[in-house]
């Protein structure tokens, strides 16, 4: 599995997404949209706005959070094939 994670340093949901991936030892490549203007444009082209974090799993774009709700632990655990024990 190839996992790209579009993030920014100021993004709280991005930090939570990375903590989740690190907890389950899921390898990923981080792409900072603040440091890479092309990456920000990619996010906008794919999702219609500058919404981060975004996961790209084997080429498929997935938004791992919902505004007002936060990171989607159960959905991401299932999608990434990990058994979620606790946050």
N, C-alpha and C. Protein backbone atom coordinates (compact mmCIF):
# COMPACT_ATOMS: atom_id res chain seq x y z
N UNK A 1 0.84 -1.18 0.00
CA UNK A 1 0.00 0.00 0.00
C UNK A 1 0.89 1.24 0.00
N UNK A 2 0.54 2.20 -0.83
CA UNK A 2 1.20 3.49 -0.86
C UNK A 2 0.26 4.51 -0.26
N UNK A 3 0.73 5.25 0.73
CA UNK A 3 -0.09 6.23 1.42
C UNK A 3 0.60 7.58 1.42
N UNK A 4 -0.06 8.56 0.81
CA UNK A 4 0.38 9.95 0.87
C UNK A 4 -0.55 10.67 1.84
N UNK A 5 0.00 11.58 2.63
CA UNK A 5 -0.80 12.35 3.58
C UNK A 5 -0.51 13.82 3.34
N UNK A 6 -1.52 14.54 2.87
CA UNK A 6 -1.40 15.98 2.66
C UNK A 6 -1.72 16.68 3.97
N UNK A 7 -0.79 17.53 4.42
CA UNK A 7 -0.89 18.15 5.74
C UNK A 7 -0.37 19.58 5.71
N UNK A 8 -0.45 20.21 6.87
CA UNK A 8 0.21 21.49 7.15
C UNK A 8 0.52 21.51 8.64
N UNK A 9 1.59 22.18 9.02
CA UNK A 9 2.03 22.19 10.42
C UNK A 9 0.97 22.76 11.36
N UNK A 10 0.18 23.72 10.91
CA UNK A 10 -0.81 24.37 11.76
C UNK A 10 -2.10 23.56 11.94
N UNK A 11 -2.23 22.46 11.21
CA UNK A 11 -3.48 21.70 11.15
C UNK A 11 -3.57 20.66 12.28
N UNK A 12 -4.48 20.90 13.22
CA UNK A 12 -4.68 19.98 14.35
C UNK A 12 -5.15 18.61 13.89
N UNK A 13 -6.09 18.57 12.93
CA UNK A 13 -6.57 17.29 12.42
C UNK A 13 -5.46 16.51 11.71
N UNK A 14 -4.54 17.22 11.08
CA UNK A 14 -3.40 16.57 10.44
C UNK A 14 -2.51 15.90 11.48
N UNK A 15 -2.25 16.59 12.57
CA UNK A 15 -1.43 16.00 13.64
C UNK A 15 -2.09 14.74 14.20
N UNK A 16 -3.40 14.78 14.36
CA UNK A 16 -4.13 13.62 14.86
C UNK A 16 -4.06 12.46 13.87
N UNK A 17 -4.19 12.76 12.60
CA UNK A 17 -4.10 11.72 11.57
C UNK A 17 -2.71 11.06 11.59
N UNK A 18 -1.66 11.86 11.72
CA UNK A 18 -0.30 11.31 11.75
C UNK A 18 -0.08 10.48 13.02
N UNK A 19 -0.63 10.93 14.15
CA UNK A 19 -0.51 10.13 15.39
C UNK A 19 -1.16 8.77 15.20
N UNK A 20 -2.32 8.75 14.58
CA UNK A 20 -3.02 7.48 14.31
C UNK A 20 -2.14 6.57 13.45
N UNK A 21 -1.60 7.09 12.36
CA UNK A 21 -0.76 6.27 11.48
C UNK A 21 0.48 5.77 12.20
N UNK A 22 1.09 6.61 12.99
CA UNK A 22 2.30 6.21 13.72
C UNK A 22 1.98 5.17 14.79
N UNK A 23 0.84 5.32 15.45
CA UNK A 23 0.43 4.34 16.48
C UNK A 23 0.35 2.94 15.89
N UNK A 24 -0.14 2.83 14.67
CA UNK A 24 -0.31 1.53 14.04
C UNK A 24 0.81 1.19 13.06
N UNK A 25 1.91 1.96 13.13
CA UNK A 25 3.08 1.71 12.29
C UNK A 25 2.74 1.61 10.82
N UNK A 26 1.88 2.50 10.36
CA UNK A 26 1.51 2.54 8.96
C UNK A 26 2.43 3.54 8.26
N UNK A 27 3.24 3.05 7.34
CA UNK A 27 4.17 3.96 6.65
C UNK A 27 3.42 4.90 5.72
N UNK A 28 3.89 6.15 5.67
CA UNK A 28 3.26 7.15 4.82
C UNK A 28 4.29 8.18 4.40
N UNK A 29 3.97 8.89 3.34
CA UNK A 29 4.78 10.00 2.89
C UNK A 29 3.97 11.26 3.14
N UNK A 30 4.55 12.18 3.88
CA UNK A 30 3.87 13.43 4.21
C UNK A 30 4.16 14.48 3.15
N UNK A 31 3.12 15.19 2.73
CA UNK A 31 3.26 16.27 1.77
C UNK A 31 2.67 17.52 2.40
N UNK A 32 3.53 18.49 2.70
CA UNK A 32 3.12 19.72 3.37
C UNK A 32 2.64 20.71 2.32
N UNK A 33 1.35 21.05 2.35
CA UNK A 33 0.80 21.94 1.33
C UNK A 33 1.29 23.38 1.48
N UNK A 34 1.80 23.74 2.65
CA UNK A 34 2.35 25.08 2.85
C UNK A 34 3.74 25.20 2.20
N UNK A 35 4.47 24.12 2.18
CA UNK A 35 5.82 24.12 1.62
C UNK A 35 5.83 23.80 0.13
N UNK A 36 4.73 23.29 -0.38
CA UNK A 36 4.68 22.84 -1.76
C UNK A 36 3.40 23.36 -2.41
N UNK A 37 3.51 24.43 -3.17
CA UNK A 37 2.33 25.05 -3.80
C UNK A 37 1.63 24.08 -4.75
N UNK A 38 2.39 23.23 -5.42
CA UNK A 38 1.78 22.24 -6.31
C UNK A 38 0.90 21.27 -5.53
N UNK A 39 1.31 20.93 -4.31
CA UNK A 39 0.52 20.02 -3.48
C UNK A 39 -0.80 20.65 -3.09
N UNK A 40 -0.78 21.93 -2.74
CA UNK A 40 -2.02 22.63 -2.41
C UNK A 40 -2.96 22.63 -3.62
N UNK A 41 -2.41 22.85 -4.79
CA UNK A 41 -3.21 22.84 -6.02
C UNK A 41 -3.79 21.45 -6.28
N UNK A 42 -3.01 20.40 -5.98
CA UNK A 42 -3.50 19.03 -6.14
C UNK A 42 -4.71 18.78 -5.24
N UNK A 43 -4.63 19.23 -4.00
CA UNK A 43 -5.75 19.04 -3.06
C UNK A 43 -6.98 19.76 -3.59
N UNK A 44 -6.81 20.98 -4.01
CA UNK A 44 -7.95 21.75 -4.52
C UNK A 44 -8.54 21.07 -5.76
N UNK A 45 -7.70 20.58 -6.64
CA UNK A 45 -8.17 19.92 -7.85
C UNK A 45 -8.95 18.65 -7.53
N UNK A 46 -8.53 17.93 -6.49
CA UNK A 46 -9.19 16.66 -6.15
C UNK A 46 -10.45 16.81 -5.32
N UNK A 47 -10.44 17.74 -4.37
CA UNK A 47 -11.57 17.83 -3.43
C UNK A 47 -12.33 19.14 -3.52
N UNK A 48 -11.88 20.06 -4.37
CA UNK A 48 -12.60 21.29 -4.58
C UNK A 48 -12.33 22.40 -3.58
N UNK A 49 -11.50 22.11 -2.59
CA UNK A 49 -11.12 23.13 -1.61
C UNK A 49 -9.83 22.70 -0.94
N UNK A 50 -9.28 23.58 -0.17
CA UNK A 50 -8.02 23.31 0.52
C UNK A 50 -8.31 22.65 1.86
N UNK A 51 -8.81 21.43 1.80
CA UNK A 51 -9.23 20.69 2.99
C UNK A 51 -8.18 19.62 3.32
N UNK A 52 -7.59 19.75 4.49
CA UNK A 52 -6.59 18.78 4.94
C UNK A 52 -6.95 18.33 6.34
N UNK A 53 -6.51 17.16 6.76
CA UNK A 53 -5.66 16.22 6.02
C UNK A 53 -6.42 15.51 4.91
N UNK A 54 -5.66 15.04 3.96
CA UNK A 54 -6.17 14.16 2.91
C UNK A 54 -5.23 12.97 2.83
N UNK A 55 -5.80 11.78 2.72
CA UNK A 55 -5.02 10.57 2.46
C UNK A 55 -5.19 10.23 0.99
N UNK A 56 -4.12 9.75 0.38
CA UNK A 56 -4.20 9.18 -0.95
C UNK A 56 -3.66 7.76 -0.81
N UNK A 57 -4.58 6.80 -0.85
CA UNK A 57 -4.26 5.40 -0.62
C UNK A 57 -4.27 4.70 -1.98
N UNK A 58 -3.08 4.29 -2.41
CA UNK A 58 -2.95 3.65 -3.72
C UNK A 58 -3.68 4.44 -4.81
N UNK A 59 -3.53 5.75 -4.78
CA UNK A 59 -4.11 6.61 -5.80
C UNK A 59 -5.52 7.09 -5.53
N UNK A 60 -6.18 6.57 -4.50
CA UNK A 60 -7.56 6.97 -4.18
C UNK A 60 -7.55 8.00 -3.06
N UNK A 61 -8.19 9.15 -3.31
CA UNK A 61 -8.25 10.23 -2.33
C UNK A 61 -9.32 9.93 -1.29
N UNK A 62 -8.94 10.11 0.00
CA UNK A 62 -9.83 9.84 1.12
C UNK A 62 -9.68 10.97 2.13
N UNK A 63 -10.79 11.52 2.57
CA UNK A 63 -10.75 12.53 3.62
C UNK A 63 -10.95 11.80 4.95
N UNK A 64 -9.91 11.77 5.82
CA UNK A 64 -9.97 10.97 7.04
C UNK A 64 -10.63 11.67 8.23
N UNK A 65 -11.32 12.75 7.99
CA UNK A 65 -11.98 13.47 9.08
C UNK A 65 -13.24 14.11 8.54
N UNK A 66 -14.10 14.51 9.45
CA UNK A 66 -15.29 15.29 9.09
C UNK A 66 -15.27 16.56 9.91
N UNK A 67 -15.47 17.71 9.27
CA UNK A 67 -15.51 18.96 10.02
C UNK A 67 -16.54 18.88 11.15
N UNK A 68 -16.14 19.35 12.30
CA UNK A 68 -17.02 19.33 13.45
C UNK A 68 -17.02 18.00 14.20
N UNK A 69 -16.52 16.95 13.58
CA UNK A 69 -16.46 15.63 14.22
C UNK A 69 -15.03 15.26 14.52
N UNK A 70 -14.13 15.50 13.58
CA UNK A 70 -12.72 15.18 13.76
C UNK A 70 -12.31 13.94 12.99
N UNK A 71 -11.21 13.34 13.42
CA UNK A 71 -10.63 12.19 12.74
C UNK A 71 -11.58 11.00 12.83
N UNK A 72 -11.73 10.28 11.74
CA UNK A 72 -12.64 9.13 11.66
C UNK A 72 -11.89 7.85 12.01
N UNK A 73 -11.70 7.62 13.30
CA UNK A 73 -10.89 6.50 13.77
C UNK A 73 -11.36 5.15 13.24
N UNK A 74 -12.62 4.83 13.45
CA UNK A 74 -13.12 3.51 13.08
C UNK A 74 -13.06 3.29 11.57
N UNK A 75 -13.48 4.29 10.81
CA UNK A 75 -13.47 4.16 9.35
C UNK A 75 -12.06 4.00 8.81
N UNK A 76 -11.11 4.77 9.35
CA UNK A 76 -9.73 4.67 8.86
C UNK A 76 -9.08 3.36 9.30
N UNK A 77 -9.40 2.89 10.50
CA UNK A 77 -8.86 1.61 10.96
C UNK A 77 -9.32 0.50 10.02
N UNK A 78 -10.60 0.52 9.66
CA UNK A 78 -11.13 -0.50 8.75
C UNK A 78 -10.50 -0.37 7.36
N UNK A 79 -10.45 0.84 6.85
CA UNK A 79 -9.90 1.07 5.52
C UNK A 79 -8.43 0.66 5.42
N UNK A 80 -7.67 0.92 6.50
CA UNK A 80 -6.24 0.63 6.48
C UNK A 80 -5.90 -0.75 7.04
N UNK A 81 -6.92 -1.49 7.45
CA UNK A 81 -6.71 -2.88 7.87
C UNK A 81 -6.04 -3.03 9.22
N UNK A 82 -6.38 -2.15 10.14
CA UNK A 82 -5.82 -2.28 11.49
C UNK A 82 -6.95 -2.44 12.50
N UNK A 83 -6.68 -3.19 13.54
CA UNK A 83 -7.65 -3.35 14.62
C UNK A 83 -7.43 -2.22 15.59
N UNK A 84 -8.44 -1.40 15.76
CA UNK A 84 -8.32 -0.27 16.66
C UNK A 84 -8.69 -0.70 18.06
N UNK A 85 -7.73 -0.58 18.98
CA UNK A 85 -7.96 -0.98 20.37
C UNK A 85 -8.39 0.20 21.21
N UNK A 86 -7.71 1.32 21.05
CA UNK A 86 -8.05 2.53 21.80
C UNK A 86 -7.37 3.72 21.14
N UNK A 87 -7.85 4.89 21.47
CA UNK A 87 -7.25 6.10 20.91
C UNK A 87 -6.09 6.48 21.77
